[in-house]
Amino acid sequence: MAMTTAVTQKAVADGTAAAAMPPGYRAHKDDHLARLRKVEGQVRGIARMVEGDRYCIDVLTQVSAATRALQQVALVCWMTTCAIA
């Protein structure tokens, strides 16, 4: 991802971003879907923790991690589609 971010930042800086990237999610669709699948796995794990009566702090820690991961998905989606359009 660091490479993609650097390339995206360079394209934005030199004004070639709009020409280089097609509109929408097409250019990074697989990356976005992979991130979302990871978050989905985290949430399923949290559900299993609740079903297994795991300690509340452990569940909340995982909820926080999943929330942060989802926020990262939103940020990356925005940076690679909306911010450069």
PDB file of N, CA and C in Angstrom:
ATOM      1  N   MET A   1       0.812  -1.189   0.000  1.00  0.00           N
ATOM      2  CA  MET A   1       0.000   0.000   0.000  1.00  0.00           C
ATOM      3  C   MET A   1       0.857   1.255   0.000  1.00  0.00           C
ATOM      4  N   ALA A   2       2.012   1.231   0.634  1.00  0.00           N
ATOM      5  CA  ALA A   2       2.865   2.405   0.691  1.00  0.00           C
ATOM      6  C   ALA A   2       3.253   2.857  -0.709  1.00  0.00           C
ATOM      7  N   MET A   3       3.517   1.900  -1.592  1.00  0.00           N
ATOM      8  CA  MET A   3       3.876   2.227  -2.964  1.00  0.00           C
ATOM      9  C   MET A   3       2.703   2.899  -3.665  1.00  0.00           C
ATOM     10  N   THR A   4       1.503   2.345  -3.513  1.00  0.00           N
ATOM     11  CA  THR A   4       0.318   2.921  -4.126  1.00  0.00           C
ATOM     12  C   THR A   4       0.075   4.334  -3.611  1.00  0.00           C
ATOM     13  N   THR A   5       0.236   4.537  -2.314  1.00  0.00           N
ATOM     14  CA  THR A   5       0.029   5.850  -1.735  1.00  0.00           C
ATOM     15  C   THR A   5       1.031   6.855  -2.290  1.00  0.00           C
ATOM     16  N   ALA A   6       2.288   6.462  -2.399  1.00  0.00           N
ATOM     17  CA  ALA A   6       3.316   7.356  -2.928  1.00  0.00           C
ATOM     18  C   ALA A   6       3.020   7.714  -4.377  1.00  0.00           C
ATOM     19  N   VAL A   7       2.627   6.729  -5.167  1.00  0.00           N
ATOM     20  CA  VAL A   7       2.291   6.987  -6.571  1.00  0.00           C
ATOM     21  C   VAL A   7       1.081   7.903  -6.667  1.00  0.00           C
ATOM     22  N   THR A   8       0.062   7.647  -5.846  1.00  0.00           N
ATOM     23  CA  THR A   8      -1.139   8.477  -5.843  1.00  0.00           C
ATOM     24  C   THR A   8      -0.817   9.905  -5.443  1.00  0.00           C
ATOM     25  N   GLN A   9       0.000  10.073  -4.396  1.00  0.00           N
ATOM     26  CA  GLN A   9       0.374  11.408  -3.945  1.00  0.00           C
ATOM     27  C   GLN A   9       1.150  12.157  -5.028  1.00  0.00           C
ATOM     28  N   LYS A  10       2.039  11.460  -5.730  1.00  0.00           N
ATOM     29  CA  LYS A  10       2.802  12.091  -6.812  1.00  0.00           C
ATOM     30  C   LYS A  10       1.868  12.511  -7.939  1.00  0.00           C
ATOM     31  N   ALA A  11       0.915  11.645  -8.291  1.00  0.00           N
ATOM     32  CA  ALA A  11      -0.024  11.975  -9.360  1.00  0.00           C
ATOM     33  C   ALA A  11      -0.887  13.168  -8.992  1.00  0.00           C
ATOM     34  N   VAL A  12      -1.287  13.242  -7.733  1.00  0.00           N
ATOM     35  CA  VAL A  12      -2.076  14.382  -7.274  1.00  0.00           C
ATOM     36  C   VAL A  12      -1.233  15.642  -7.316  1.00  0.00           C
ATOM     37  N   ALA A  13       0.021  15.543  -6.871  1.00  0.00           N
ATOM     38  CA  ALA A  13       0.904  16.708  -6.811  1.00  0.00           C
ATOM     39  C   ALA A  13       1.206  17.273  -8.196  1.00  0.00           C
ATOM     40  N   ASP A  14       1.422  16.399  -9.178  1.00  0.00           N
ATOM     41  CA  ASP A  14       1.771  16.929 -10.497  1.00  0.00           C
ATOM     42  C   ASP A  14       0.567  17.099 -11.423  1.00  0.00           C
ATOM     43  N   GLY A  15      -0.639  16.844 -10.915  1.00  0.00           N
ATOM     44  CA  GLY A  15      -1.845  17.111 -11.690  1.00  0.00           C
ATOM     45  C   GLY A  15      -2.232  16.043 -12.684  1.00  0.00           C
ATOM     46  N   THR A  16      -1.573  14.894 -12.665  1.00  0.00           N
ATOM     47  CA  THR A  16      -1.894  13.836 -13.620  1.00  0.00           C
ATOM     48  C   THR A  16      -2.844  12.805 -13.057  1.00  0.00           C
ATOM     49  N   ALA A  17      -3.308  13.000 -11.844  1.00  0.00           N
ATOM     50  CA  ALA A  17      -4.147  11.993 -11.185  1.00  0.00           C
ATOM     51  C   ALA A  17      -5.436  11.729 -11.948  1.00  0.00           C
ATOM     52  N   ALA A  18      -6.114  12.762 -12.365  1.00  0.00           N
ATOM     53  CA  ALA A  18      -7.401  12.580 -13.045  1.00  0.00           C
ATOM     54  C   ALA A  18      -7.228  11.834 -14.362  1.00  0.00           C
ATOM     55  N   ALA A  19      -6.151  12.109 -15.062  1.00  0.00           N
ATOM     56  CA  ALA A  19      -5.914  11.443 -16.337  1.00  0.00           C
ATOM     57  C   ALA A  19      -5.431  10.010 -16.141  1.00  0.00           C
ATOM     58  N   ALA A  20      -4.694   9.752 -15.061  1.00  0.00           N
ATOM     59  CA  ALA A  20      -4.099   8.444 -14.845  1.00  0.00           C
ATOM     60  C   ALA A  20      -5.074   7.426 -14.283  1.00  0.00           C
ATOM     61  N   MET A  21      -6.077   7.850 -13.553  1.00  0.00           N
ATOM     62  CA  MET A  21      -6.977   6.931 -12.874  1.00  0.00           C
ATOM     63  C   MET A  21      -8.374   7.005 -13.464  1.00  0.00           C
ATOM     64  N   PRO A  22      -8.969   5.847 -13.767  1.00  0.00           N
ATOM     65  CA  PRO A  22     -10.357   5.871 -14.207  1.00  0.00           C
ATOM     66  C   PRO A  22     -11.255   6.230 -13.031  1.00  0.00           C
ATOM     67  N   PRO A  23     -12.435   6.768 -13.302  1.00  0.00           N
ATOM     68  CA  PRO A  23     -13.326   7.134 -12.202  1.00  0.00           C
ATOM     69  C   PRO A  23     -13.826   5.903 -11.456  1.00  0.00           C
ATOM     70  N   GLY A  24     -14.172   6.090 -10.206  1.00  0.00           N
ATOM     71  CA  GLY A  24     -14.728   5.002  -9.408  1.00  0.00           C
ATOM     72  C   GLY A  24     -13.664   4.107  -8.799  1.00  0.00           C
ATOM     73  N   TYR A  25     -14.076   2.897  -8.467  1.00  0.00           N
ATOM     74  CA  TYR A  25     -13.218   1.972  -7.746  1.00  0.00           C
ATOM     75  C   TYR A  25     -12.428   1.038  -8.646  1.00  0.00           C
ATOM     76  N   ARG A  26     -12.610   1.107  -9.939  1.00  0.00           N
ATOM     77  CA  ARG A  26     -12.024   0.116 -10.843  1.00  0.00           C
ATOM     78  C   ARG A  26     -10.530  -0.085 -10.666  1.00  0.00           C
ATOM     79  N   ALA A  27      -9.775   0.970 -10.507  1.00  0.00           N
ATOM     80  CA  ALA A  27      -8.317   0.855 -10.444  1.00  0.00           C
ATOM     81  C   ALA A  27      -7.841   0.110  -9.198  1.00  0.00           C
ATOM     82  N   HIS A  28      -8.588   0.186  -8.104  1.00  0.00           N
ATOM     83  CA  HIS A  28      -8.165  -0.421  -6.836  1.00  0.00           C
ATOM     84  C   HIS A  28      -9.216  -1.342  -6.247  1.00  0.00           C
ATOM     85  N   LYS A  29     -10.125  -1.798  -7.078  1.00  0.00           N
ATOM     86  CA  LYS A  29     -11.252  -2.587  -6.597  1.00  0.00           C
ATOM     87  C   LYS A  29     -10.802  -3.828  -5.823  1.00  0.00           C
ATOM     88  N   ASP A  30      -9.829  -4.559  -6.346  1.00  0.00           N
ATOM     89  CA  ASP A  30      -9.360  -5.769  -5.677  1.00  0.00           C
ATOM     90  C   ASP A  30      -8.754  -5.456  -4.314  1.00  0.00           C
ATOM     91  N   ASP A  31      -8.011  -4.367  -4.218  1.00  0.00           N
ATOM     92  CA  ASP A  31      -7.428  -3.961  -2.932  1.00  0.00           C
ATOM     93  C   ASP A  31      -8.519  -3.624  -1.921  1.00  0.00           C
ATOM     94  N   HIS A  32      -9.526  -2.866  -2.364  1.00  0.00           N
ATOM     95  CA  HIS A  32     -10.626  -2.495  -1.471  1.00  0.00           C
ATOM     96  C   HIS A  32     -11.386  -3.727  -0.995  1.00  0.00           C
ATOM     97  N   LEU A  33     -11.654  -4.636  -1.916  1.00  0.00           N
ATOM     98  CA  LEU A  33     -12.385  -5.852  -1.548  1.00  0.00           C
ATOM     99  C   LEU A  33     -11.580  -6.720  -0.588  1.00  0.00           C
ATOM    100  N   ALA A  34     -10.276  -6.796  -0.786  1.00  0.00           N
ATOM    101  CA  ALA A  34      -9.428  -7.584   0.115  1.00  0.00           C
ATOM    102  C   ALA A  34      -9.453  -6.992   1.525  1.00  0.00           C
ATOM    103  N   ARG A  35      -9.373  -5.674   1.615  1.00  0.00           N
ATOM    104  CA  ARG A  35      -9.436  -5.016   2.923  1.00  0.00           C
ATOM    105  C   ARG A  35     -10.787  -5.273   3.598  1.00  0.00           C
ATOM    106  N   LEU A  36     -11.859  -5.172   2.824  1.00  0.00           N
ATOM    107  CA  LEU A  36     -13.190  -5.394   3.383  1.00  0.00           C
ATOM    108  C   LEU A  36     -13.365  -6.845   3.847  1.00  0.00           C
ATOM    109  N   ARG A  37     -12.773  -7.785   3.116  1.00  0.00           N
ATOM    110  CA  ARG A  37     -12.854  -9.192   3.546  1.00  0.00           C
ATOM    111  C   ARG A  37     -12.111  -9.408   4.860  1.00  0.00           C
ATOM    112  N   LYS A  38     -10.997  -8.715   5.036  1.00  0.00           N
ATOM    113  CA  LYS A  38     -10.265  -8.819   6.307  1.00  0.00           C
ATOM    114  C   LYS A  38     -11.102  -8.282   7.459  1.00  0.00           C
ATOM    115  N   VAL A  39     -11.751  -7.150   7.229  1.00  0.00           N
ATOM    116  CA  VAL A  39     -12.615  -6.575   8.265  1.00  0.00           C
ATOM    117  C   VAL A  39     -13.775  -7.522   8.551  1.00  0.00           C
ATOM    118  N   GLU A  40     -14.346  -8.100   7.509  1.00  0.00           N
ATOM    119  CA  GLU A  40     -15.439  -9.056   7.692  1.00  0.00           C
ATOM    120  C   GLU A  40     -14.983 -10.230   8.559  1.00  0.00           C
ATOM    121  N   GLY A  41     -13.776 -10.723   8.332  1.00  0.00           N
ATOM    122  CA  GLY A  41     -13.234 -11.798   9.143  1.00  0.00           C
ATOM    123  C   GLY A  41     -13.068 -11.395  10.599  1.00  0.00           C
ATOM    124  N   GLN A  42     -12.620 -10.143  10.800  1.00  0.00           N
ATOM    125  CA  GLN A  42     -12.493  -9.641  12.172  1.00  0.00           C
ATOM    126  C   GLN A  42     -13.846  -9.615  12.874  1.00  0.00           C
ATOM    127  N   VAL A  43     -14.869  -9.139  12.179  1.00  0.00           N
ATOM    128  CA  VAL A  43     -16.202  -9.038  12.781  1.00  0.00           C
ATOM    129  C   VAL A  43     -16.754 -10.430  13.082  1.00  0.00           C
ATOM    130  N   ARG A  44     -16.533 -11.375  12.201  1.00  0.00           N
ATOM    131  CA  ARG A  44     -16.972 -12.749  12.474  1.00  0.00           C
ATOM    132  C   ARG A  44     -16.251 -13.313  13.697  1.00  0.00           C
ATOM    133  N   GLY A  45     -14.974 -12.979  13.833  1.00  0.00           N
ATOM    134  CA  GLY A  45     -14.227 -13.402  15.003  1.00  0.00           C
ATOM    135  C   GLY A  45     -14.787 -12.806  16.280  1.00  0.00           C
ATOM    136  N   ILE A  46     -15.208 -11.562  16.210  1.00  0.00           N
ATOM    137  CA  ILE A  46     -15.817 -10.914  17.373  1.00  0.00           C
ATOM    138  C   ILE A  46     -17.119 -11.624  17.749  1.00  0.00           C
ATOM    139  N   ALA A  47     -17.899 -11.983  16.746  1.00  0.00           N
ATOM    140  CA  ALA A  47     -19.150 -12.706  17.017  1.00  0.00           C
ATOM    141  C   ALA A  47     -18.857 -14.031  17.711  1.00  0.00           C
ATOM    142  N   ARG A  48     -17.806 -14.733  17.263  1.00  0.00           N
ATOM    143  CA  ARG A  48     -17.442 -15.992  17.918  1.00  0.00           C
ATOM    144  C   ARG A  48     -16.988 -15.755  19.355  1.00  0.00           C
ATOM    145  N   MET A  49     -16.301 -14.633  19.583  1.00  0.00           N
ATOM    146  CA  MET A  49     -15.872 -14.301  20.939  1.00  0.00           C
ATOM    147  C   MET A  49     -17.083 -14.089  21.847  1.00  0.00           C
ATOM    148  N   VAL A  50     -18.087 -13.379  21.352  1.00  0.00           N
ATOM    149  CA  VAL A  50     -19.298 -13.126  22.137  1.00  0.00           C
ATOM    150  C   VAL A  50     -20.023 -14.444  22.404  1.00  0.00           C
ATOM    151  N   GLU A  51     -20.134 -15.272  21.365  1.00  0.00           N
ATOM    152  CA  GLU A  51     -20.783 -16.576  21.541  1.00  0.00           C
ATOM    153  C   GLU A  51     -20.052 -17.426  22.575  1.00  0.00           C
ATOM    154  N   GLY A  52     -18.739 -17.285  22.633  1.00  0.00           N
ATOM    155  CA  GLY A  52     -17.938 -18.062  23.564  1.00  0.00           C
ATOM    156  C   GLY A  52     -17.791 -17.413  24.931  1.00  0.00           C
ATOM    157  N   ASP A  53     -18.552 -16.349  25.169  1.00  0.00           N
ATOM    158  CA  ASP A  53     -18.520 -15.647  26.458  1.00  0.00           C
ATOM    159  C   ASP A  53     -17.117 -15.182  26.852  1.00  0.00           C
ATOM    160  N   ARG A  54     -16.387 -14.641  25.882  1.00  0.00           N
ATOM    161  CA  ARG A  54     -15.057 -14.131  26.161  1.00  0.00           C
ATOM    162  C   ARG A  54     -15.142 -12.873  27.011  1.00  0.00           C
ATOM    163  N   TYR A  55     -14.075 -12.573  27.686  1.00  0.00           N
ATOM    164  CA  TYR A  55     -13.976 -11.427  28.579  1.00  0.00           C
ATOM    165  C   TYR A  55     -14.277 -10.134  27.809  1.00  0.00           C
ATOM    166  N   CYS A  56     -15.050  -9.256  28.426  1.00  0.00           N
ATOM    167  CA  CYS A  56     -15.543  -8.037  27.779  1.00  0.00           C
ATOM    168  C   CYS A  56     -14.410  -7.178  27.207  1.00  0.00           C
ATOM    169  N   ILE A  57     -13.347  -7.003  27.956  1.00  0.00           N
ATOM    170  CA  ILE A  57     -12.235  -6.159  27.495  1.00  0.00           C
ATOM    171  C   ILE A  57     -11.610  -6.730  26.224  1.00  0.00           C
ATOM    172  N   ASP A  58     -11.511  -8.062  26.141  1.00  0.00           N
ATOM    173  CA  ASP A  58     -10.966  -8.691  24.933  1.00  0.00           C
ATOM    174  C   ASP A  58     -11.867  -8.421  23.729  1.00  0.00           C
ATOM    175  N   VAL A  59     -13.172  -8.508  23.945  1.00  0.00           N
ATOM    176  CA  VAL A  59     -14.126  -8.237  22.864  1.00  0.00           C
ATOM    177  C   VAL A  59     -14.031  -6.771  22.444  1.00  0.00           C
ATOM    178  N   LEU A  60     -14.007  -5.879  23.414  1.00  0.00           N
ATOM    179  CA  LEU A  60     -13.928  -4.452  23.091  1.00  0.00           C
ATOM    180  C   LEU A  60     -12.639  -4.100  22.375  1.00  0.00           C
ATOM    181  N   THR A  61     -11.553  -4.754  22.726  1.00  0.00           N
ATOM    182  CA  THR A  61     -10.283  -4.533  22.033  1.00  0.00           C
ATOM    183  C   THR A  61     -10.405  -4.904  20.561  1.00  0.00           C
ATOM    184  N   GLN A  62     -11.060  -6.032  20.305  1.00  0.00           N
ATOM    185  CA  GLN A  62     -11.238  -6.462  18.921  1.00  0.00           C
ATOM    186  C   GLN A  62     -12.230  -5.572  18.166  1.00  0.00           C
ATOM    187  N   VAL A  63     -13.247  -5.090  18.855  1.00  0.00           N
ATOM    188  CA  VAL A  63     -14.191  -4.146  18.232  1.00  0.00           C
ATOM    189  C   VAL A  63     -13.452  -2.875  17.829  1.00  0.00           C
ATOM    190  N   SER A  64     -12.594  -2.398  18.699  1.00  0.00           N
ATOM    191  CA  SER A  64     -11.806  -1.208  18.395  1.00  0.00           C
ATOM    192  C   SER A  64     -10.905  -1.441  17.185  1.00  0.00           C
ATOM    193  N   ALA A  65     -10.263  -2.598  17.130  1.00  0.00           N
ATOM    194  CA  ALA A  65      -9.391  -2.913  15.996  1.00  0.00           C
ATOM    195  C   ALA A  65     -10.180  -3.000  14.694  1.00  0.00           C
ATOM    196  N   ALA A  66     -11.351  -3.622  14.739  1.00  0.00           N
ATOM    197  CA  ALA A  66     -12.181  -3.737  13.541  1.00  0.00           C
ATOM    198  C   ALA A  66     -12.689  -2.367  13.090  1.00  0.00           C
ATOM    199  N   THR A  67     -13.041  -1.533  14.053  1.00  0.00           N
ATOM    200  CA  THR A  67     -13.497  -0.177  13.736  1.00  0.00           C
ATOM    201  C   THR A  67     -12.384   0.605  13.040  1.00  0.00           C
ATOM    202  N   ARG A  68     -11.191   0.512  13.589  1.00  0.00           N
ATOM    203  CA  ARG A  68     -10.045   1.213  12.993  1.00  0.00           C
ATOM    204  C   ARG A  68      -9.749   0.686  11.587  1.00  0.00           C
ATOM    205  N   ALA A  69      -9.845  -0.624  11.409  1.00  0.00           N
ATOM    206  CA  ALA A  69      -9.610  -1.210  10.090  1.00  0.00           C
ATOM    207  C   ALA A  69     -10.645  -0.712   9.086  1.00  0.00           C
ATOM    208  N   LEU A  70     -11.896  -0.612   9.505  1.00  0.00           N
ATOM    209  CA  LEU A  70     -12.948  -0.115   8.621  1.00  0.00           C
ATOM    210  C   LEU A  70     -12.739   1.365   8.297  1.00  0.00           C
ATOM    211  N   GLN A  71     -12.291   2.127   9.264  1.00  0.00           N
ATOM    212  CA  GLN A  71     -11.971   3.533   9.008  1.00  0.00           C
ATOM    213  C   GLN A  71     -10.833   3.644   7.998  1.00  0.00           C
ATOM    214  N   GLN A  72      -9.876   2.743   8.087  1.00  0.00           N
ATOM    215  CA  GLN A  72      -8.759   2.746   7.142  1.00  0.00           C
ATOM    216  C   GLN A  72      -9.250   2.414   5.734  1.00  0.00           C
ATOM    217  N   VAL A  73     -10.182   1.481   5.631  1.00  0.00           N
ATOM    218  CA  VAL A  73     -10.773   1.161   4.330  1.00  0.00           C
ATOM    219  C   VAL A  73     -11.422   2.409   3.738  1.00  0.00           C
ATOM    220  N   ALA A  74     -12.185   3.107   4.546  1.00  0.00           N
ATOM    221  CA  ALA A  74     -12.856   4.316   4.068  1.00  0.00           C
ATOM    222  C   ALA A  74     -11.843   5.364   3.627  1.00  0.00           C
ATOM    223  N   LEU A  75     -10.790   5.543   4.396  1.00  0.00           N
ATOM    224  CA  LEU A  75      -9.773   6.533   4.056  1.00  0.00           C
ATOM    225  C   LEU A  75      -9.075   6.184   2.751  1.00  0.00           C
ATOM    226  N   VAL A  76      -8.681   4.932   2.602  1.00  0.00           N
ATOM    227  CA  VAL A  76      -7.989   4.514   1.384  1.00  0.00           C
ATOM    228  C   VAL A  76      -8.912   4.619   0.177  1.00  0.00           C
ATOM    229  N   CYS A  77     -10.173   4.214   0.345  1.00  0.00           N
ATOM    230  CA  CYS A  77     -11.133   4.353  -0.762  1.00  0.00           C
ATOM    231  C   CYS A  77     -11.274   5.817  -1.160  1.00  0.00           C
ATOM    232  N   TRP A  78     -11.388   6.676  -0.185  1.00  0.00           N
ATOM    233  CA  TRP A  78     -11.536   8.101  -0.475  1.00  0.00           C
ATOM    234  C   TRP A  78     -10.287   8.643  -1.169  1.00  0.00           C
ATOM    235  N   MET A  79      -9.116   8.274  -0.656  1.00  0.00           N
ATOM    236  CA  MET A  79      -7.864   8.783  -1.234  1.00  0.00           C
ATOM    237  C   MET A  79      -7.657   8.311  -2.665  1.00  0.00           C
ATOM    238  N   THR A  80      -8.073   7.081  -2.966  1.00  0.00           N
ATOM    239  CA  THR A  80      -7.804   6.534  -4.290  1.00  0.00           C
ATOM    240  C   THR A  80      -8.927   6.794  -5.290  1.00  0.00           C
ATOM    241  N   THR A  81     -10.042   7.349  -4.838  1.00  0.00           N
ATOM    242  CA  THR A  81     -11.134   7.625  -5.789  1.00  0.00           C
ATOM    243  C   THR A  81     -11.568   9.085  -5.733  1.00  0.00           C
ATOM    244  N   CYS A  82     -12.011   9.542  -4.598  1.00  0.00           N
ATOM    245  CA  CYS A  82     -12.588  10.879  -4.493  1.00  0.00           C
ATOM    246  C   CYS A  82     -11.547  11.991  -4.470  1.00  0.00           C
ATOM    247  N   ALA A  83     -10.488  11.812  -3.724  1.00  0.00           N
ATOM    248  CA  ALA A  83      -9.521  12.878  -3.535  1.00  0.00           C
ATOM    249  C   ALA A  83      -8.750  13.196  -4.793  1.00  0.00           C
ATOM    250  N   ILE A  84      -8.600  12.226  -5.687  1.00  0.00           N
ATOM    251  CA  ILE A  84      -7.821  12.468  -6.894  1.00  0.00           C
ATOM    252  C   ILE A  84      -8.688  12.793  -8.090  1.00  0.00           C
ATOM    253  N   ALA A  85     -10.002  12.693  -7.930  1.00  0.00           N
ATOM    254  CA  ALA A  85     -10.895  12.943  -9.066  1.00  0.00           C
ATOM    255  C   ALA A  85     -11.067  14.420  -9.322  1.00  0.00           C
TER     256      ALA A  85
END
